Amino acid sequence: MTTERVIRVIAEHLEVEESTLNENTTFAELGVDSLDAVEIMMELEDEFGIEIKAEEAGKSVKELSDYISAKTEE
């Protein structure tokens, strides 16, 4: 469930089809720059009601999803 929500937020922000993303997609593959990263993290913080530390969020959809899942279980 978390992965699907993360993919939805990223896809909406980058204006790409959700079907083009999967858990192995990296932010580098998507061409995410530092501004995009900050904006996506802010959107995800609102979506999940948590604070996300960019340096701990990982480099792929799966790493970010796992990080968010761990934070929401605390």
N, C-alpha and C. Protein backbone atom coordinates (compact mmCIF):
# COMPACT_ATOMS: atom_id res chain seq x y z
N MET A 1 0.82 -1.20 0.00
CA MET A 1 0.00 0.00 0.00
C MET A 1 0.87 1.26 0.00
N THR A 2 1.90 1.27 0.84
CA THR A 2 2.79 2.44 0.90
C THR A 2 3.43 2.69 -0.46
N THR A 3 3.91 1.63 -1.09
CA THR A 3 4.59 1.79 -2.38
C THR A 3 3.65 2.41 -3.41
N GLU A 4 2.41 1.97 -3.44
CA GLU A 4 1.46 2.51 -4.40
C GLU A 4 1.22 4.00 -4.15
N ARG A 5 1.12 4.38 -2.89
CA ARG A 5 0.91 5.80 -2.56
C ARG A 5 2.13 6.63 -2.94
N VAL A 6 3.33 6.10 -2.68
CA VAL A 6 4.56 6.80 -3.05
C VAL A 6 4.62 6.97 -4.56
N ILE A 7 4.33 5.92 -5.30
CA ILE A 7 4.35 5.98 -6.76
C ILE A 7 3.34 7.01 -7.26
N ARG A 8 2.15 7.05 -6.66
CA ARG A 8 1.13 8.01 -7.08
C ARG A 8 1.62 9.45 -6.90
N VAL A 9 2.19 9.74 -5.75
CA VAL A 9 2.68 11.10 -5.47
C VAL A 9 3.81 11.48 -6.43
N ILE A 10 4.75 10.58 -6.64
CA ILE A 10 5.87 10.86 -7.54
C ILE A 10 5.37 11.07 -8.96
N ALA A 11 4.49 10.18 -9.42
CA ALA A 11 3.96 10.28 -10.78
C ALA A 11 3.21 11.59 -10.99
N GLU A 12 2.38 11.96 -10.01
CA GLU A 12 1.64 13.22 -10.13
C GLU A 12 2.59 14.41 -10.19
N HIS A 13 3.60 14.39 -9.33
CA HIS A 13 4.54 15.52 -9.29
C HIS A 13 5.32 15.65 -10.59
N LEU A 14 5.78 14.51 -11.10
CA LEU A 14 6.61 14.52 -12.32
C LEU A 14 5.78 14.48 -13.60
N GLU A 15 4.46 14.37 -13.42
CA GLU A 15 3.53 14.31 -14.55
C GLU A 15 3.89 13.17 -15.52
N VAL A 16 4.05 11.98 -14.92
CA VAL A 16 4.28 10.76 -15.70
C VAL A 16 3.23 9.74 -15.31
N GLU A 17 3.06 8.74 -16.14
CA GLU A 17 2.10 7.67 -15.85
C GLU A 17 2.61 6.80 -14.71
N GLU A 18 1.73 6.48 -13.79
CA GLU A 18 2.10 5.60 -12.67
C GLU A 18 2.65 4.27 -13.17
N SER A 19 2.13 3.79 -14.29
CA SER A 19 2.55 2.49 -14.82
C SER A 19 4.01 2.48 -15.25
N THR A 20 4.62 3.66 -15.41
CA THR A 20 6.04 3.70 -15.81
C THR A 20 6.97 3.58 -14.61
N LEU A 21 6.40 3.56 -13.41
CA LEU A 21 7.19 3.46 -12.18
C LEU A 21 6.96 2.12 -11.51
N ASN A 22 7.99 1.63 -10.84
CA ASN A 22 7.85 0.45 -10.00
C ASN A 22 8.80 0.61 -8.82
N GLU A 23 8.82 -0.36 -7.93
CA GLU A 23 9.61 -0.19 -6.71
C GLU A 23 11.11 -0.12 -6.98
N ASN A 24 11.56 -0.61 -8.12
CA ASN A 24 12.99 -0.57 -8.44
C ASN A 24 13.41 0.72 -9.15
N THR A 25 12.45 1.57 -9.48
CA THR A 25 12.76 2.82 -10.16
C THR A 25 13.58 3.71 -9.23
N THR A 26 14.67 4.26 -9.77
CA THR A 26 15.49 5.17 -8.97
C THR A 26 15.15 6.61 -9.34
N PHE A 27 15.47 7.50 -8.42
CA PHE A 27 15.21 8.91 -8.67
C PHE A 27 16.13 9.44 -9.77
N ALA A 28 17.32 8.86 -9.89
CA ALA A 28 18.24 9.26 -10.97
C ALA A 28 17.64 8.91 -12.33
N GLU A 29 17.02 7.73 -12.43
CA GLU A 29 16.38 7.33 -13.69
C GLU A 29 15.27 8.29 -14.08
N LEU A 30 14.62 8.85 -13.08
CA LEU A 30 13.51 9.77 -13.33
C LEU A 30 13.99 11.19 -13.61
N GLY A 31 15.28 11.44 -13.42
CA GLY A 31 15.80 12.77 -13.63
C GLY A 31 15.38 13.75 -12.54
N VAL A 32 15.16 13.24 -11.34
CA VAL A 32 14.73 14.08 -10.22
C VAL A 32 15.90 14.97 -9.79
N ASP A 33 15.69 16.29 -9.84
CA ASP A 33 16.73 17.20 -9.37
C ASP A 33 16.46 17.56 -7.91
N SER A 34 17.30 18.38 -7.33
CA SER A 34 17.17 18.67 -5.90
C SER A 34 15.86 19.38 -5.57
N LEU A 35 15.39 20.26 -6.43
CA LEU A 35 14.12 20.94 -6.19
C LEU A 35 12.96 19.95 -6.24
N ASP A 36 12.96 19.08 -7.26
CA ASP A 36 11.92 18.04 -7.34
C ASP A 36 11.94 17.18 -6.08
N ALA A 37 13.14 16.80 -5.65
CA ALA A 37 13.26 15.93 -4.48
C ALA A 37 12.63 16.58 -3.25
N VAL A 38 12.94 17.85 -3.03
CA VAL A 38 12.39 18.56 -1.88
C VAL A 38 10.87 18.64 -1.98
N GLU A 39 10.35 18.97 -3.15
CA GLU A 39 8.91 19.09 -3.32
C GLU A 39 8.21 17.75 -3.14
N ILE A 40 8.79 16.69 -3.68
CA ILE A 40 8.22 15.35 -3.53
C ILE A 40 8.22 14.95 -2.05
N MET A 41 9.32 15.20 -1.36
CA MET A 41 9.39 14.85 0.07
C MET A 41 8.33 15.62 0.86
N MET A 42 8.12 16.89 0.54
CA MET A 42 7.10 17.67 1.24
C MET A 42 5.71 17.10 0.98
N GLU A 43 5.45 16.71 -0.27
CA GLU A 43 4.16 16.11 -0.60
C GLU A 43 3.96 14.79 0.14
N LEU A 44 5.02 14.00 0.23
CA LEU A 44 4.93 12.72 0.94
C LEU A 44 4.77 12.93 2.44
N GLU A 45 5.41 13.96 2.99
CA GLU A 45 5.22 14.27 4.40
C GLU A 45 3.75 14.58 4.68
N ASP A 46 3.13 15.36 3.80
CA ASP A 46 1.70 15.66 3.95
C ASP A 46 0.85 14.40 3.79
N GLU A 47 1.19 13.59 2.81
CA GLU A 47 0.43 12.37 2.52
C GLU A 47 0.44 11.40 3.70
N PHE A 48 1.61 11.26 4.33
CA PHE A 48 1.75 10.26 5.39
C PHE A 48 1.77 10.83 6.80
N GLY A 49 1.83 12.15 6.92
CA GLY A 49 1.84 12.77 8.24
C GLY A 49 3.11 12.51 9.03
N ILE A 50 4.23 12.46 8.34
CA ILE A 50 5.52 12.22 9.00
C ILE A 50 6.55 13.22 8.49
N GLU A 51 7.69 13.26 9.17
CA GLU A 51 8.81 14.06 8.69
C GLU A 51 9.78 13.13 7.99
N ILE A 52 10.22 13.51 6.80
CA ILE A 52 11.14 12.69 6.02
C ILE A 52 12.48 13.39 5.96
N LYS A 53 13.53 12.69 6.36
CA LYS A 53 14.89 13.22 6.26
C LYS A 53 15.46 12.74 4.93
N ALA A 54 15.72 13.69 4.05
CA ALA A 54 16.14 13.35 2.68
C ALA A 54 17.35 12.42 2.66
N GLU A 55 18.28 12.65 3.56
CA GLU A 55 19.49 11.82 3.56
C GLU A 55 19.23 10.38 3.97
N GLU A 56 18.05 10.11 4.55
CA GLU A 56 17.70 8.75 4.96
C GLU A 56 16.67 8.10 4.05
N ALA A 57 16.17 8.85 3.08
CA ALA A 57 15.03 8.39 2.28
C ALA A 57 15.40 7.39 1.19
N GLY A 58 16.67 7.24 0.87
CA GLY A 58 17.08 6.27 -0.13
C GLY A 58 17.13 6.84 -1.52
N LYS A 59 17.43 5.96 -2.47
CA LYS A 59 17.63 6.37 -3.85
C LYS A 59 16.65 5.72 -4.82
N SER A 60 15.71 4.93 -4.29
CA SER A 60 14.73 4.26 -5.14
C SER A 60 13.35 4.32 -4.49
N VAL A 61 12.35 4.00 -5.27
CA VAL A 61 10.99 3.96 -4.76
C VAL A 61 10.89 2.97 -3.60
N LYS A 62 11.50 1.80 -3.74
CA LYS A 62 11.44 0.79 -2.68
C LYS A 62 12.11 1.29 -1.40
N GLU A 63 13.30 1.88 -1.52
CA GLU A 63 13.98 2.38 -0.32
C GLU A 63 13.15 3.46 0.37
N LEU A 64 12.57 4.35 -0.42
CA LEU A 64 11.73 5.41 0.15
C LEU A 64 10.47 4.82 0.79
N SER A 65 9.85 3.86 0.13
CA SER A 65 8.65 3.22 0.68
C SER A 65 8.95 2.50 1.98
N ASP A 66 10.09 1.78 2.02
CA ASP A 66 10.48 1.07 3.24
C ASP A 66 10.73 2.06 4.37
N TYR A 67 11.38 3.17 4.06
CA TYR A 67 11.66 4.21 5.05
C TYR A 67 10.35 4.76 5.61
N ILE A 68 9.42 5.08 4.73
CA ILE A 68 8.12 5.62 5.16
C ILE A 68 7.36 4.60 5.99
N SER A 69 7.36 3.35 5.56
CA SER A 69 6.68 2.29 6.32
C SER A 69 7.24 2.18 7.74
N ALA A 70 8.55 2.25 7.86
CA ALA A 70 9.18 2.16 9.19
C ALA A 70 8.80 3.36 10.04
N LYS A 71 8.76 4.55 9.43
CA LYS A 71 8.42 5.77 10.19
C LYS A 71 6.95 5.76 10.62
N THR A 72 6.06 5.23 9.81
CA THR A 72 4.65 5.25 10.15
C THR A 72 4.30 4.18 11.18
N GLU A 73 5.18 3.21 11.39
CA GLU A 73 4.95 2.17 12.39
C GLU A 73 5.43 2.60 13.77
N GLU A 74 6.23 3.67 13.84
CA GLU A 74 6.79 4.12 15.12
C GLU A 74 5.70 4.60 16.06
